[in-house]
PDB file of N, CA and C in Angstrom:
ATOM      1  N   UNK A   1       3.379  -4.416  -9.963  1.00  0.00           N
ATOM      2  CA  UNK A   1       3.014  -5.661  -9.638  1.00  0.00           C
ATOM      3  C   UNK A   1       2.248  -6.321 -10.633  1.00  0.00           C
ATOM      4  N   UNK A   2       2.486  -7.709 -10.939  1.00  0.00           N
ATOM      5  CA  UNK A   2       1.885  -8.558 -11.926  1.00  0.00           C
ATOM      6  C   UNK A   2       0.433  -8.752 -11.737  1.00  0.00           C
ATOM      7  N   UNK A   3      -0.358  -9.184 -12.743  1.00  0.00           N
ATOM      8  CA  UNK A   3      -1.659  -9.818 -12.565  1.00  0.00           C
ATOM      9  C   UNK A   3      -1.650 -10.975 -11.572  1.00  0.00           C
ATOM     10  N   UNK A   4      -0.796 -11.921 -11.555  1.00  0.00           N
ATOM     11  CA  UNK A   4      -0.653 -12.955 -10.465  1.00  0.00           C
ATOM     12  C   UNK A   4      -0.437 -12.506  -9.104  1.00  0.00           C
ATOM     13  N   UNK A   5       0.447 -11.668  -9.078  1.00  0.00           N
ATOM     14  CA  UNK A   5       0.740 -11.122  -7.527  1.00  0.00           C
ATOM     15  C   UNK A   5      -0.622 -10.311  -6.928  1.00  0.00           C
ATOM     16  N   UNK A   6      -1.143  -9.695  -7.985  1.00  0.00           N
ATOM     17  CA  UNK A   6      -2.273  -8.710  -7.320  1.00  0.00           C
ATOM     18  C   UNK A   6      -3.361  -9.665  -7.139  1.00  0.00           C
ATOM     19  N   UNK A   7      -3.511 -10.622  -7.876  1.00  0.00           N
ATOM     20  CA  UNK A   7      -4.818 -11.529  -7.481  1.00  0.00           C
ATOM     21  C   UNK A   7      -4.440 -12.485  -6.431  1.00  0.00           C
ATOM     22  N   UNK A   8      -3.341 -12.699  -5.904  1.00  0.00           N
ATOM     23  CA  UNK A   8      -2.944 -13.348  -4.883  1.00  0.00           C
ATOM     24  C   UNK A   8      -3.337 -12.526  -3.568  1.00  0.00           C
ATOM     25  N   UNK A   9      -3.160 -11.210  -3.665  1.00  0.00           N
ATOM     26  CA  UNK A   9      -3.315 -10.271  -2.473  1.00  0.00           C
ATOM     27  C   UNK A   9      -4.837 -10.078  -2.466  1.00  0.00           C
ATOM     28  N   UNK A  10      -5.522  -9.780  -3.675  1.00  0.00           N
ATOM     29  CA  UNK A  10      -6.948  -9.612  -3.637  1.00  0.00           C
ATOM     30  C   UNK A  10      -7.703 -10.699  -4.524  1.00  0.00           C
ATOM     31  N   UNK A  11      -7.751 -11.895  -4.083  1.00  0.00           N
ATOM     32  CA  UNK A  11      -8.278 -12.885  -4.775  1.00  0.00           C
ATOM     33  C   UNK A  11      -9.759 -12.572  -5.129  1.00  0.00           C
ATOM     34  N   UNK A  12     -10.292 -13.059  -6.383  1.00  0.00           N
ATOM     35  CA  UNK A  12     -11.661 -12.869  -6.808  1.00  0.00           C
ATOM     36  C   UNK A  12     -12.916 -13.485  -6.200  1.00  0.00           C
ATOM     37  N   UNK A  13     -12.459 -14.472  -5.375  1.00  0.00           N
ATOM     38  CA  UNK A  13     -13.556 -15.177  -4.529  1.00  0.00           C
ATOM     39  C   UNK A  13     -13.905 -14.353  -3.367  1.00  0.00           C
ATOM     40  N   UNK A  14     -12.781 -13.320  -3.025  1.00  0.00           N
ATOM     41  CA  UNK A  14     -13.325 -12.462  -1.855  1.00  0.00           C
ATOM     42  C   UNK A  14     -13.545 -11.066  -2.218  1.00  0.00           C
ATOM     43  N   UNK A  15     -13.152 -10.735  -3.608  1.00  0.00           N
ATOM     44  CA  UNK A  15     -13.177  -9.274  -3.729  1.00  0.00           C
ATOM     45  C   UNK A  15     -13.773  -9.270  -5.177  1.00  0.00           C
ATOM     46  N   UNK A  16     -14.436  -8.295  -5.504  1.00  0.00           N
ATOM     47  CA  UNK A  16     -15.291  -7.970  -6.844  1.00  0.00           C
ATOM     48  C   UNK A  16     -14.442  -6.823  -7.348  1.00  0.00           C
ATOM     49  N   UNK A  17     -14.069  -7.237  -8.673  1.00  0.00           N
ATOM     50  CA  UNK A  17     -13.294  -6.206  -9.530  1.00  0.00           C
ATOM     51  C   UNK A  17     -14.362  -5.382 -10.393  1.00  0.00           C
ATOM     52  N   UNK A  18     -14.590  -4.028 -10.065  1.00  0.00           N
ATOM     53  CA  UNK A  18     -15.303  -3.288 -11.150  1.00  0.00           C
ATOM     54  C   UNK A  18     -14.552  -2.337 -11.768  1.00  0.00           C
ATOM     55  N   UNK A  19     -14.697  -2.271 -13.079  1.00  0.00           N
ATOM     56  CA  UNK A  19     -13.893  -1.515 -13.979  1.00  0.00           C
ATOM     57  C   UNK A  19     -14.841  -0.214 -13.966  1.00  0.00           C
ATOM     58  N   UNK A  20     -13.946   1.056 -13.557  1.00  0.00           N
ATOM     59  CA  UNK A  20     -14.617   2.457 -13.604  1.00  0.00           C
ATOM     60  C   UNK A  20     -14.180   3.166 -14.795  1.00  0.00           C
ATOM     61  N   UNK A  21     -13.127   2.878 -15.294  1.00  0.00           N
ATOM     62  CA  UNK A  21     -12.543   3.567 -16.574  1.00  0.00           C
ATOM     63  C   UNK A  21     -11.602   2.919 -17.391  1.00  0.00           C
ATOM     64  N   UNK A  22     -11.558   3.176 -18.698  1.00  0.00           N
ATOM     65  CA  UNK A  22     -10.549   2.622 -19.502  1.00  0.00           C
ATOM     66  C   UNK A  22     -10.148   3.683 -20.764  1.00  0.00           C
ATOM     67  N   UNK A  23      -8.949   3.619 -20.947  1.00  0.00           N
ATOM     68  CA  UNK A  23      -8.512   4.402 -22.177  1.00  0.00           C
ATOM     69  C   UNK A  23      -7.416   3.715 -22.781  1.00  0.00           C
ATOM     70  N   UNK A  24      -7.100   4.135 -24.015  1.00  0.00           N
ATOM     71  CA  UNK A  24      -6.144   3.531 -24.768  1.00  0.00           C
ATOM     72  C   UNK A  24      -5.293   4.643 -25.412  1.00  0.00           C
ATOM     73  N   UNK A  25      -3.882   4.328 -25.243  1.00  0.00           N
ATOM     74  CA  UNK A  25      -2.859   5.399 -25.772  1.00  0.00           C
ATOM     75  C   UNK A  25      -2.068   4.659 -26.891  1.00  0.00           C
ATOM     76  N   UNK A  26      -1.577   5.587 -27.462  1.00  0.00           N
ATOM     77  CA  UNK A  26      -0.674   5.051 -28.574  1.00  0.00           C
ATOM     78  C   UNK A  26      -1.225   4.991 -30.063  1.00  0.00           C
ATOM     79  N   UNK A  27      -0.545   5.191 -30.910  1.00  0.00           N
ATOM     80  CA  UNK A  27      -0.923   5.246 -32.390  1.00  0.00           C
ATOM     81  C   UNK A  27      -1.857   3.928 -32.765  1.00  0.00           C
ATOM     82  N   UNK A  28      -1.280   2.809 -32.196  1.00  0.00           N
ATOM     83  CA  UNK A  28      -1.778   1.454 -32.575  1.00  0.00           C
ATOM     84  C   UNK A  28      -2.599   0.924 -31.333  1.00  0.00           C
ATOM     85  N   UNK A  29      -2.698   1.734 -30.419  1.00  0.00           N
ATOM     86  CA  UNK A  29      -3.419   1.122 -29.240  1.00  0.00           C
ATOM     87  C   UNK A  29      -2.595   0.191 -28.272  1.00  0.00           C
ATOM     88  N   UNK A  30      -1.275   0.577 -28.193  1.00  0.00           N
ATOM     89  CA  UNK A  30      -0.453  -0.361 -27.448  1.00  0.00           C
ATOM     90  C   UNK A  30      -0.490  -0.168 -26.125  1.00  0.00           C
ATOM     91  N   UNK A  31      -1.105   0.744 -25.504  1.00  0.00           N
ATOM     92  CA  UNK A  31      -1.193   0.948 -24.065  1.00  0.00           C
ATOM     93  C   UNK A  31      -2.823   1.118 -23.579  1.00  0.00           C
ATOM     94  N   UNK A  32      -2.981   0.211 -22.772  1.00  0.00           N
ATOM     95  CA  UNK A  32      -4.369   0.303 -22.300  1.00  0.00           C
ATOM     96  C   UNK A  32      -4.226   0.488 -20.678  1.00  0.00           C
ATOM     97  N   UNK A  33      -5.069   1.492 -20.161  1.00  0.00           N
ATOM     98  CA  UNK A  33      -5.165   1.966 -18.891  1.00  0.00           C
ATOM     99  C   UNK A  33      -6.450   1.806 -18.299  1.00  0.00           C
ATOM    100  N   UNK A  34      -6.453   0.992 -17.294  1.00  0.00           N
ATOM    101  CA  UNK A  34      -7.872   0.732 -16.703  1.00  0.00           C
ATOM    102  C   UNK A  34      -7.877   0.851 -15.171  1.00  0.00           C
ATOM    103  N   UNK A  35      -8.909   1.492 -14.827  1.00  0.00           N
ATOM    104  CA  UNK A  35      -9.214   1.995 -13.294  1.00  0.00           C
ATOM    105  C   UNK A  35     -10.262   1.058 -12.786  1.00  0.00           C
ATOM    106  N   UNK A  36     -10.034   0.469 -11.688  1.00  0.00           N
ATOM    107  CA  UNK A  36     -10.883  -0.343 -10.903  1.00  0.00           C
ATOM    108  C   UNK A  36     -11.094   0.092  -9.405  1.00  0.00           C
ATOM    109  N   UNK A  37     -12.325  -0.368  -8.990  1.00  0.00           N
ATOM    110  CA  UNK A  37     -12.634  -0.272  -7.695  1.00  0.00           C
ATOM    111  C   UNK A  37     -12.748  -1.719  -7.152  1.00  0.00           C
ATOM    112  N   UNK A  38     -11.973  -2.065  -6.136  1.00  0.00           N
ATOM    113  CA  UNK A  38     -11.839  -3.212  -5.690  1.00  0.00           C
ATOM    114  C   UNK A  38     -12.732  -3.543  -4.394  1.00  0.00           C
ATOM    115  N   UNK A  39     -13.891  -4.222  -4.330  1.00  0.00           N
ATOM    116  CA  UNK A  39     -14.881  -4.184  -3.445  1.00  0.00           C
ATOM    117  C   UNK A  39     -14.924  -5.558  -2.472  1.00  0.00           C
ATOM    118  N   UNK A  40     -14.921  -5.217  -1.216  1.00  0.00           N
ATOM    119  CA  UNK A  40     -14.876  -6.732  -0.458  1.00  0.00           C
ATOM    120  C   UNK A  40     -16.333  -7.151  -0.551  1.00  0.00           C
ATOM    121  N   UNK A  41     -16.387  -8.419  -0.907  1.00  0.00           N
ATOM    122  CA  UNK A  41     -17.773  -9.109  -1.109  1.00  0.00           C
ATOM    123  C   UNK A  41     -18.536  -9.122   0.399  1.00  0.00           C
ATOM    124  N   UNK A  42     -17.670  -9.311   1.412  1.00  0.00           N
ATOM    125  CA  UNK A  42     -18.399  -9.502   2.817  1.00  0.00           C
ATOM    126  C   UNK A  42     -19.099  -7.945   3.195  1.00  0.00           C
ATOM    127  N   UNK A  43     -18.316  -6.881   3.126  1.00  0.00           N
ATOM    128  CA  UNK A  43     -18.907  -5.536   3.666  1.00  0.00           C
ATOM    129  C   UNK A  43     -19.355  -4.732   2.602  1.00  0.00           C
ATOM    130  N   UNK A  44     -18.956  -4.985   1.246  1.00  0.00           N
ATOM    131  CA  UNK A  44     -19.538  -3.924   0.343  1.00  0.00           C
ATOM    132  C   UNK A  44     -18.750  -2.786   0.298  1.00  0.00           C
ATOM    133  N   UNK A  45     -17.692  -2.658   0.960  1.00  0.00           N
ATOM    134  CA  UNK A  45     -16.875  -1.376   0.961  1.00  0.00           C
ATOM    135  C   UNK A  45     -15.736  -1.515  -0.184  1.00  0.00           C
ATOM    136  N   UNK A  46     -15.304  -0.364  -0.551  1.00  0.00           N
ATOM    137  CA  UNK A  46     -14.387  -0.079  -1.700  1.00  0.00           C
ATOM    138  C   UNK A  46     -12.995  -0.345  -0.661  1.00  0.00           C
ATOM    139  N   UNK A  47     -12.076  -1.114  -1.029  1.00  0.00           N
ATOM    140  CA  UNK A  47     -11.061  -1.268  -0.257  1.00  0.00           C
ATOM    141  C   UNK A  47      -9.703  -0.879  -1.033  1.00  0.00           C
ATOM    142  N   UNK A  48      -9.768  -0.756  -2.332  1.00  0.00           N
ATOM    143  CA  UNK A  48      -8.755  -0.155  -3.222  1.00  0.00           C
ATOM    144  C   UNK A  48      -9.255   0.320  -4.385  1.00  0.00           C
ATOM    145  N   UNK A  49      -8.391   1.344  -4.986  1.00  0.00           N
ATOM    146  CA  UNK A  49      -8.851   1.775  -6.200  1.00  0.00           C
ATOM    147  C   UNK A  49      -7.594   1.988  -7.160  1.00  0.00           C
ATOM    148  N   UNK A  50      -7.296   0.627  -7.588  1.00  0.00           N
ATOM    149  CA  UNK A  50      -5.968   0.655  -8.497  1.00  0.00           C
ATOM    150  C   UNK A  50      -6.004   1.085  -9.745  1.00  0.00           C
ATOM    151  N   UNK A  51      -4.912   1.093 -10.627  1.00  0.00           N
ATOM    152  CA  UNK A  51      -4.869   1.264 -12.065  1.00  0.00           C
ATOM    153  C   UNK A  51      -3.998   0.155 -12.494  1.00  0.00           C
ATOM    154  N   UNK A  52      -4.667  -0.534 -13.575  1.00  0.00           N
ATOM    155  CA  UNK A  52      -4.023  -1.620 -14.380  1.00  0.00           C
ATOM    156  C   UNK A  52      -3.560  -1.095 -15.703  1.00  0.00           C
ATOM    157  N   UNK A  53      -2.315  -1.196 -16.003  1.00  0.00           N
ATOM    158  CA  UNK A  53      -1.600  -0.604 -17.260  1.00  0.00           C
ATOM    159  C   UNK A  53      -1.024  -2.084 -17.964  1.00  0.00           C
ATOM    160  N   UNK A  54      -1.389  -2.028 -19.053  1.00  0.00           N
ATOM    161  CA  UNK A  54      -0.975  -3.174 -20.017  1.00  0.00           C
ATOM    162  C   UNK A  54      -0.220  -2.654 -21.159  1.00  0.00           C
ATOM    163  N   UNK A  55       0.983  -2.684 -21.608  1.00  0.00           N
ATOM    164  CA  UNK A  55       1.615  -2.199 -22.557  1.00  0.00           C
ATOM    165  C   UNK A  55       2.215  -3.149 -23.531  1.00  0.00           C
ATOM    166  N   UNK A  56       1.919  -3.160 -24.909  1.00  0.00           N
ATOM    167  CA  UNK A  56       2.652  -4.116 -25.689  1.00  0.00           C
ATOM    168  C   UNK A  56       3.739  -3.300 -26.617  1.00  0.00           C
ATOM    169  N   UNK A  57       4.959  -3.857 -26.419  1.00  0.00           N
ATOM    170  CA  UNK A  57       6.079  -3.141 -27.103  1.00  0.00           C
ATOM    171  C   UNK A  57       5.967  -3.644 -28.563  1.00  0.00           C
ATOM    172  N   UNK A  58       5.695  -2.835 -29.595  1.00  0.00           N
ATOM    173  CA  UNK A  58       5.356  -3.336 -30.882  1.00  0.00           C
ATOM    174  C   UNK A  58       6.729  -3.869 -31.512  1.00  0.00           C
ATOM    175  N   UNK A  59       8.054  -3.837 -30.944  1.00  0.00           N
ATOM    176  CA  UNK A  59       9.043  -4.421 -31.342  1.00  0.00           C
ATOM    177  C   UNK A  59       9.129  -5.784 -30.636  1.00  0.00           C
ATOM    178  N   UNK A  60       8.799  -6.629 -31.257  1.00  0.00           N
ATOM    179  CA  UNK A  60       8.865  -8.137 -30.444  1.00  0.00           C
ATOM    180  C   UNK A  60       7.619  -8.430 -29.746  1.00  0.00           C
ATOM    181  N   UNK A  61       6.721  -7.664 -29.786  1.00  0.00           N
ATOM    182  CA  UNK A  61       5.349  -7.881 -29.180  1.00  0.00           C
ATOM    183  C   UNK A  61       5.313  -8.313 -27.840  1.00  0.00           C
ATOM    184  N   UNK A  62       6.364  -7.969 -26.978  1.00  0.00           N
ATOM    185  CA  UNK A  62       6.367  -8.210 -25.438  1.00  0.00           C
ATOM    186  C   UNK A  62       5.237  -7.306 -24.706  1.00  0.00           C
ATOM    187  N   UNK A  63       4.533  -7.817 -23.805  1.00  0.00           N
ATOM    188  CA  UNK A  63       3.494  -7.409 -23.189  1.00  0.00           C
ATOM    189  C   UNK A  63       3.939  -7.352 -21.779  1.00  0.00           C
ATOM    190  N   UNK A  64       3.622  -6.107 -21.210  1.00  0.00           N
ATOM    191  CA  UNK A  64       3.792  -5.960 -19.585  1.00  0.00           C
ATOM    192  C   UNK A  64       2.678  -5.496 -19.063  1.00  0.00           C
ATOM    193  N   UNK A  65       2.386  -5.986 -17.799  1.00  0.00           N
ATOM    194  CA  UNK A  65       1.184  -5.531 -17.149  1.00  0.00           C
ATOM    195  C   UNK A  65       1.539  -5.191 -15.737  1.00  0.00           C
ATOM    196  N   UNK A  66       1.150  -4.016 -15.224  1.00  0.00           N
ATOM    197  CA  UNK A  66       1.598  -3.365 -13.950  1.00  0.00           C
ATOM    198  C   UNK A  66       0.108  -2.997 -13.311  1.00  0.00           C
ATOM    199  N   UNK A  67       0.066  -3.209 -12.058  1.00  0.00           N
ATOM    200  CA  UNK A  67      -0.877  -2.725 -11.162  1.00  0.00           C
ATOM    201  C   UNK A  67      -0.420  -1.621 -10.130  1.00  0.00           C
ATOM    202  N   UNK A  68      -0.847  -0.411 -10.040  1.00  0.00           N
ATOM    203  CA  UNK A  68      -0.436   0.673  -9.324  1.00  0.00           C
ATOM    204  C   UNK A  68      -1.610   1.119  -8.413  1.00  0.00           C
ATOM    205  N   UNK A  69      -1.325   1.846  -7.134  1.00  0.00           N
ATOM    206  CA  UNK A  69      -2.515   2.485  -6.457  1.00  0.00           C
ATOM    207  C   UNK A  69      -1.821   3.506  -5.649  1.00  0.00           C
TER     208      UNK A  69
END
């Protein structure tokens, strides 16, 4: 799921994105892996704990972003 699709399902005005972990992989830091807690602003409950992966292909510098849970 892309950033746009994820934010359509979990808009930032209704949900708070709290980063819980981040790590970088690859010799040139081409992969960033971030973990989040998605918190409902109305209830304060954690509704989702997704992982966002951003990978930059060094041949052509194409970047892809995926959300998984």
